[in-house]
Amino acid sequence: MCFNPKVWGDPDIFRPERFLDPSTGVFKKNDSLLPFSTGRRACIGGTLARDNLFLFSTNLFQKLNITLDPSVPQNELKAVLPL
């Protein structure tokens, strides 16, 4: 279903820009893309996994003090992180 040439044009070629809005460059949802979690083969543990990841990351942020490295100049961080 993800290799339909009527929908994707050239489905065998890797072109991630087909999922970006040309005017803004932001991801746009395409209803023809359903790679996972659909039909009979949907993962029954998907919700449990998402909830566990949320709880794990929340616990990390509560217990740890996460800061930027002071030895790295700010202009180098702006190239990597959208601050």
N, C-alpha and C. Protein backbone atom coordinates (compact mmCIF):
# COMPACT_ATOMS: atom_id res chain seq x y z
N MET A 1 0.81 -1.18 0.00
CA MET A 1 0.00 0.00 0.00
C MET A 1 0.86 1.26 0.00
N CYS A 2 2.09 1.17 0.54
CA CYS A 2 2.97 2.35 0.54
C CYS A 2 3.78 2.47 -0.75
N PHE A 3 3.57 1.55 -1.69
CA PHE A 3 4.31 1.59 -2.95
C PHE A 3 3.39 1.82 -4.14
N ASN A 4 2.29 2.52 -3.92
CA ASN A 4 1.34 2.79 -4.99
C ASN A 4 1.86 3.94 -5.85
N PRO A 5 2.18 3.67 -7.13
CA PRO A 5 2.70 4.74 -7.99
C PRO A 5 1.68 5.84 -8.28
N LYS A 6 0.39 5.55 -8.15
CA LYS A 6 -0.62 6.58 -8.36
C LYS A 6 -0.57 7.63 -7.25
N VAL A 7 -0.18 7.21 -6.06
CA VAL A 7 -0.12 8.13 -4.92
C VAL A 7 1.24 8.80 -4.81
N TRP A 8 2.33 8.01 -4.93
CA TRP A 8 3.67 8.51 -4.66
C TRP A 8 4.46 8.90 -5.90
N GLY A 9 4.01 8.52 -7.07
CA GLY A 9 4.74 8.86 -8.29
C GLY A 9 5.91 7.91 -8.53
N ASP A 10 6.93 8.00 -7.72
CA ASP A 10 8.10 7.12 -7.83
C ASP A 10 8.38 6.51 -6.45
N PRO A 11 7.63 5.49 -6.04
CA PRO A 11 7.73 4.97 -4.68
C PRO A 11 9.05 4.28 -4.37
N ASP A 12 9.81 3.87 -5.38
CA ASP A 12 11.07 3.16 -5.14
C ASP A 12 12.23 4.10 -4.84
N ILE A 13 12.03 5.40 -5.02
CA ILE A 13 13.09 6.38 -4.80
C ILE A 13 12.88 7.04 -3.44
N PHE A 14 13.95 7.11 -2.65
CA PHE A 14 13.90 7.73 -1.33
C PHE A 14 13.89 9.25 -1.48
N ARG A 15 12.75 9.85 -1.18
CA ARG A 15 12.60 11.31 -1.25
C ARG A 15 11.84 11.78 -0.01
N PRO A 16 12.55 12.08 1.10
CA PRO A 16 11.84 12.50 2.30
C PRO A 16 11.15 13.85 2.16
N GLU A 17 11.55 14.66 1.18
CA GLU A 17 10.91 15.96 1.01
C GLU A 17 9.46 15.84 0.57
N ARG A 18 9.02 14.67 0.13
CA ARG A 18 7.61 14.50 -0.26
C ARG A 18 6.68 14.59 0.94
N PHE A 19 7.23 14.50 2.16
CA PHE A 19 6.42 14.60 3.36
C PHE A 19 6.51 15.99 4.00
N LEU A 20 7.14 16.93 3.32
CA LEU A 20 7.26 18.30 3.85
C LEU A 20 6.40 19.25 3.04
N ASP A 21 5.83 20.21 3.72
CA ASP A 21 5.06 21.25 3.05
C ASP A 21 6.04 22.17 2.32
N PRO A 22 5.90 22.36 1.00
CA PRO A 22 6.87 23.15 0.25
C PRO A 22 7.00 24.59 0.71
N SER A 23 5.93 25.19 1.21
CA SER A 23 6.00 26.60 1.60
C SER A 23 6.64 26.81 2.97
N THR A 24 6.39 25.87 3.92
CA THR A 24 6.91 26.07 5.27
C THR A 24 8.06 25.13 5.62
N GLY A 25 8.17 24.01 4.93
CA GLY A 25 9.21 23.04 5.25
C GLY A 25 8.89 22.19 6.46
N VAL A 26 7.63 22.21 6.90
CA VAL A 26 7.18 21.46 8.08
C VAL A 26 6.52 20.17 7.61
N PHE A 27 6.61 19.12 8.43
CA PHE A 27 5.99 17.84 8.10
C PHE A 27 4.50 18.01 7.88
N LYS A 28 3.99 17.40 6.81
CA LYS A 28 2.56 17.41 6.57
C LYS A 28 2.05 15.98 6.56
N LYS A 29 0.92 15.74 7.17
CA LYS A 29 0.35 14.41 7.27
C LYS A 29 -0.23 14.00 5.92
N ASN A 30 0.09 12.79 5.51
CA ASN A 30 -0.45 12.25 4.28
C ASN A 30 -1.31 11.04 4.63
N ASP A 31 -2.57 11.06 4.28
CA ASP A 31 -3.48 9.98 4.63
C ASP A 31 -3.13 8.68 3.93
N SER A 32 -2.33 8.70 2.89
CA SER A 32 -1.93 7.48 2.19
C SER A 32 -0.79 6.76 2.88
N LEU A 33 -0.16 7.39 3.85
CA LEU A 33 0.96 6.78 4.56
C LEU A 33 0.46 6.14 5.84
N LEU A 34 0.43 4.82 5.87
CA LEU A 34 0.04 4.07 7.05
C LEU A 34 1.01 2.90 7.24
N PRO A 35 2.26 3.18 7.64
CA PRO A 35 3.22 2.09 7.71
C PRO A 35 3.01 1.15 8.89
N PHE A 36 2.50 1.64 10.01
CA PHE A 36 2.34 0.81 11.21
C PHE A 36 0.98 1.08 11.84
N SER A 37 0.60 0.24 12.77
CA SER A 37 -0.59 0.42 13.61
C SER A 37 -1.87 0.55 12.83
N THR A 38 -2.09 -0.35 11.92
CA THR A 38 -3.35 -0.32 11.19
C THR A 38 -3.85 -1.74 10.97
N GLY A 39 -5.13 -1.93 11.11
CA GLY A 39 -5.73 -3.22 10.83
C GLY A 39 -5.41 -4.29 11.87
N ARG A 40 -5.46 -5.54 11.44
CA ARG A 40 -5.26 -6.68 12.32
C ARG A 40 -3.84 -6.75 12.86
N ARG A 41 -2.89 -6.20 12.13
CA ARG A 41 -1.48 -6.34 12.52
C ARG A 41 -0.98 -5.19 13.39
N ALA A 42 -1.88 -4.41 13.93
CA ALA A 42 -1.48 -3.31 14.81
C ALA A 42 -0.87 -3.88 16.09
N CYS A 43 0.12 -3.22 16.58
CA CYS A 43 0.81 -3.67 17.79
C CYS A 43 -0.09 -3.48 19.00
N ILE A 44 -0.35 -4.56 19.73
CA ILE A 44 -1.24 -4.45 20.88
C ILE A 44 -0.54 -3.78 22.06
N GLY A 45 0.80 -3.72 22.03
CA GLY A 45 1.53 -3.09 23.12
C GLY A 45 1.94 -1.67 22.82
N GLY A 46 1.45 -1.09 21.73
CA GLY A 46 1.85 0.26 21.34
C GLY A 46 1.51 1.31 22.38
N THR A 47 0.32 1.24 22.93
CA THR A 47 -0.09 2.22 23.94
C THR A 47 0.74 2.05 25.21
N LEU A 48 0.98 0.81 25.60
CA LEU A 48 1.79 0.55 26.78
C LEU A 48 3.22 1.07 26.59
N ALA A 49 3.78 0.86 25.41
CA ALA A 49 5.13 1.34 25.12
C ALA A 49 5.19 2.86 25.16
N ARG A 50 4.21 3.54 24.56
CA ARG A 50 4.18 5.01 24.58
C ARG A 50 4.06 5.55 26.01
N ASP A 51 3.21 4.92 26.80
CA ASP A 51 3.05 5.35 28.18
C ASP A 51 4.33 5.14 28.99
N ASN A 52 5.00 4.01 28.76
CA ASN A 52 6.26 3.75 29.47
C ASN A 52 7.34 4.73 29.08
N LEU A 53 7.43 5.07 27.80
CA LEU A 53 8.42 6.06 27.37
C LEU A 53 8.14 7.41 28.00
N PHE A 54 6.89 7.78 28.10
CA PHE A 54 6.53 9.05 28.74
C PHE A 54 6.93 9.04 30.21
N LEU A 55 6.60 7.96 30.92
CA LEU A 55 6.92 7.88 32.34
C LEU A 55 8.43 7.84 32.57
N PHE A 56 9.16 7.13 31.72
CA PHE A 56 10.61 7.05 31.84
C PHE A 56 11.26 8.41 31.63
N SER A 57 10.87 9.10 30.56
CA SER A 57 11.47 10.41 30.29
C SER A 57 11.07 11.44 31.34
N THR A 58 9.83 11.39 31.83
CA THR A 58 9.39 12.29 32.89
C THR A 58 10.20 12.06 34.16
N ASN A 59 10.44 10.80 34.48
CA ASN A 59 11.23 10.47 35.66
C ASN A 59 12.67 10.97 35.52
N LEU A 60 13.23 10.84 34.33
CA LEU A 60 14.59 11.35 34.10
C LEU A 60 14.67 12.85 34.33
N PHE A 61 13.72 13.59 33.79
CA PHE A 61 13.74 15.05 33.93
C PHE A 61 13.47 15.49 35.37
N GLN A 62 12.75 14.67 36.14
CA GLN A 62 12.51 15.01 37.53
C GLN A 62 13.75 14.74 38.39
N LYS A 63 14.48 13.68 38.10
CA LYS A 63 15.61 13.27 38.94
C LYS A 63 16.93 13.92 38.55
N LEU A 64 17.10 14.26 37.28
CA LEU A 64 18.38 14.78 36.81
C LEU A 64 18.28 16.27 36.50
N ASN A 65 19.40 16.93 36.61
CA ASN A 65 19.50 18.34 36.22
C ASN A 65 20.21 18.37 34.88
N ILE A 66 19.48 18.56 33.82
CA ILE A 66 20.03 18.52 32.46
C ILE A 66 20.28 19.94 32.00
N THR A 67 21.56 20.25 31.69
CA THR A 67 21.93 21.58 31.24
C THR A 67 22.84 21.48 30.03
N LEU A 68 23.03 22.60 29.35
CA LEU A 68 23.96 22.66 28.23
C LEU A 68 25.38 22.72 28.74
N ASP A 69 26.31 22.22 27.95
CA ASP A 69 27.72 22.24 28.31
C ASP A 69 28.24 23.67 28.24
N PRO A 70 28.73 24.24 29.36
CA PRO A 70 29.19 25.63 29.34
C PRO A 70 30.47 25.83 28.54
N SER A 71 31.21 24.77 28.24
CA SER A 71 32.46 24.92 27.48
C SER A 71 32.22 25.07 25.98
N VAL A 72 31.00 24.81 25.53
CA VAL A 72 30.69 24.93 24.10
C VAL A 72 30.12 26.33 23.86
N PRO A 73 30.66 27.08 22.90
CA PRO A 73 30.13 28.42 22.61
C PRO A 73 28.68 28.36 22.14
N GLN A 74 27.92 29.41 22.45
CA GLN A 74 26.49 29.45 22.10
C GLN A 74 26.25 29.39 20.60
N ASN A 75 27.12 30.00 19.80
CA ASN A 75 26.88 30.01 18.36
C ASN A 75 27.01 28.61 17.76
N GLU A 76 27.81 27.73 18.36
CA GLU A 76 27.89 26.35 17.88
C GLU A 76 26.63 25.58 18.23
N LEU A 77 26.04 25.89 19.38
CA LEU A 77 24.81 25.21 19.77
C LEU A 77 23.64 25.60 18.89
N LYS A 78 23.59 26.83 18.42
CA LYS A 78 22.50 27.28 17.57
C LYS A 78 22.48 26.55 16.24
N ALA A 79 23.65 26.10 15.79
CA ALA A 79 23.70 25.34 14.53
C ALA A 79 23.09 23.96 14.70
N VAL A 80 23.11 23.44 15.92
CA VAL A 80 22.61 22.08 16.18
C VAL A 80 21.24 22.11 16.81
N LEU A 81 21.03 22.98 17.78
CA LEU A 81 19.78 23.04 18.51
C LEU A 81 18.97 24.26 18.11
N PRO A 82 17.68 24.11 17.82
CA PRO A 82 16.86 25.29 17.53
C PRO A 82 16.44 25.96 18.85
N LEU A 83 17.27 26.86 19.35
CA LEU A 83 16.99 27.54 20.63
C LEU A 83 16.10 28.73 20.45
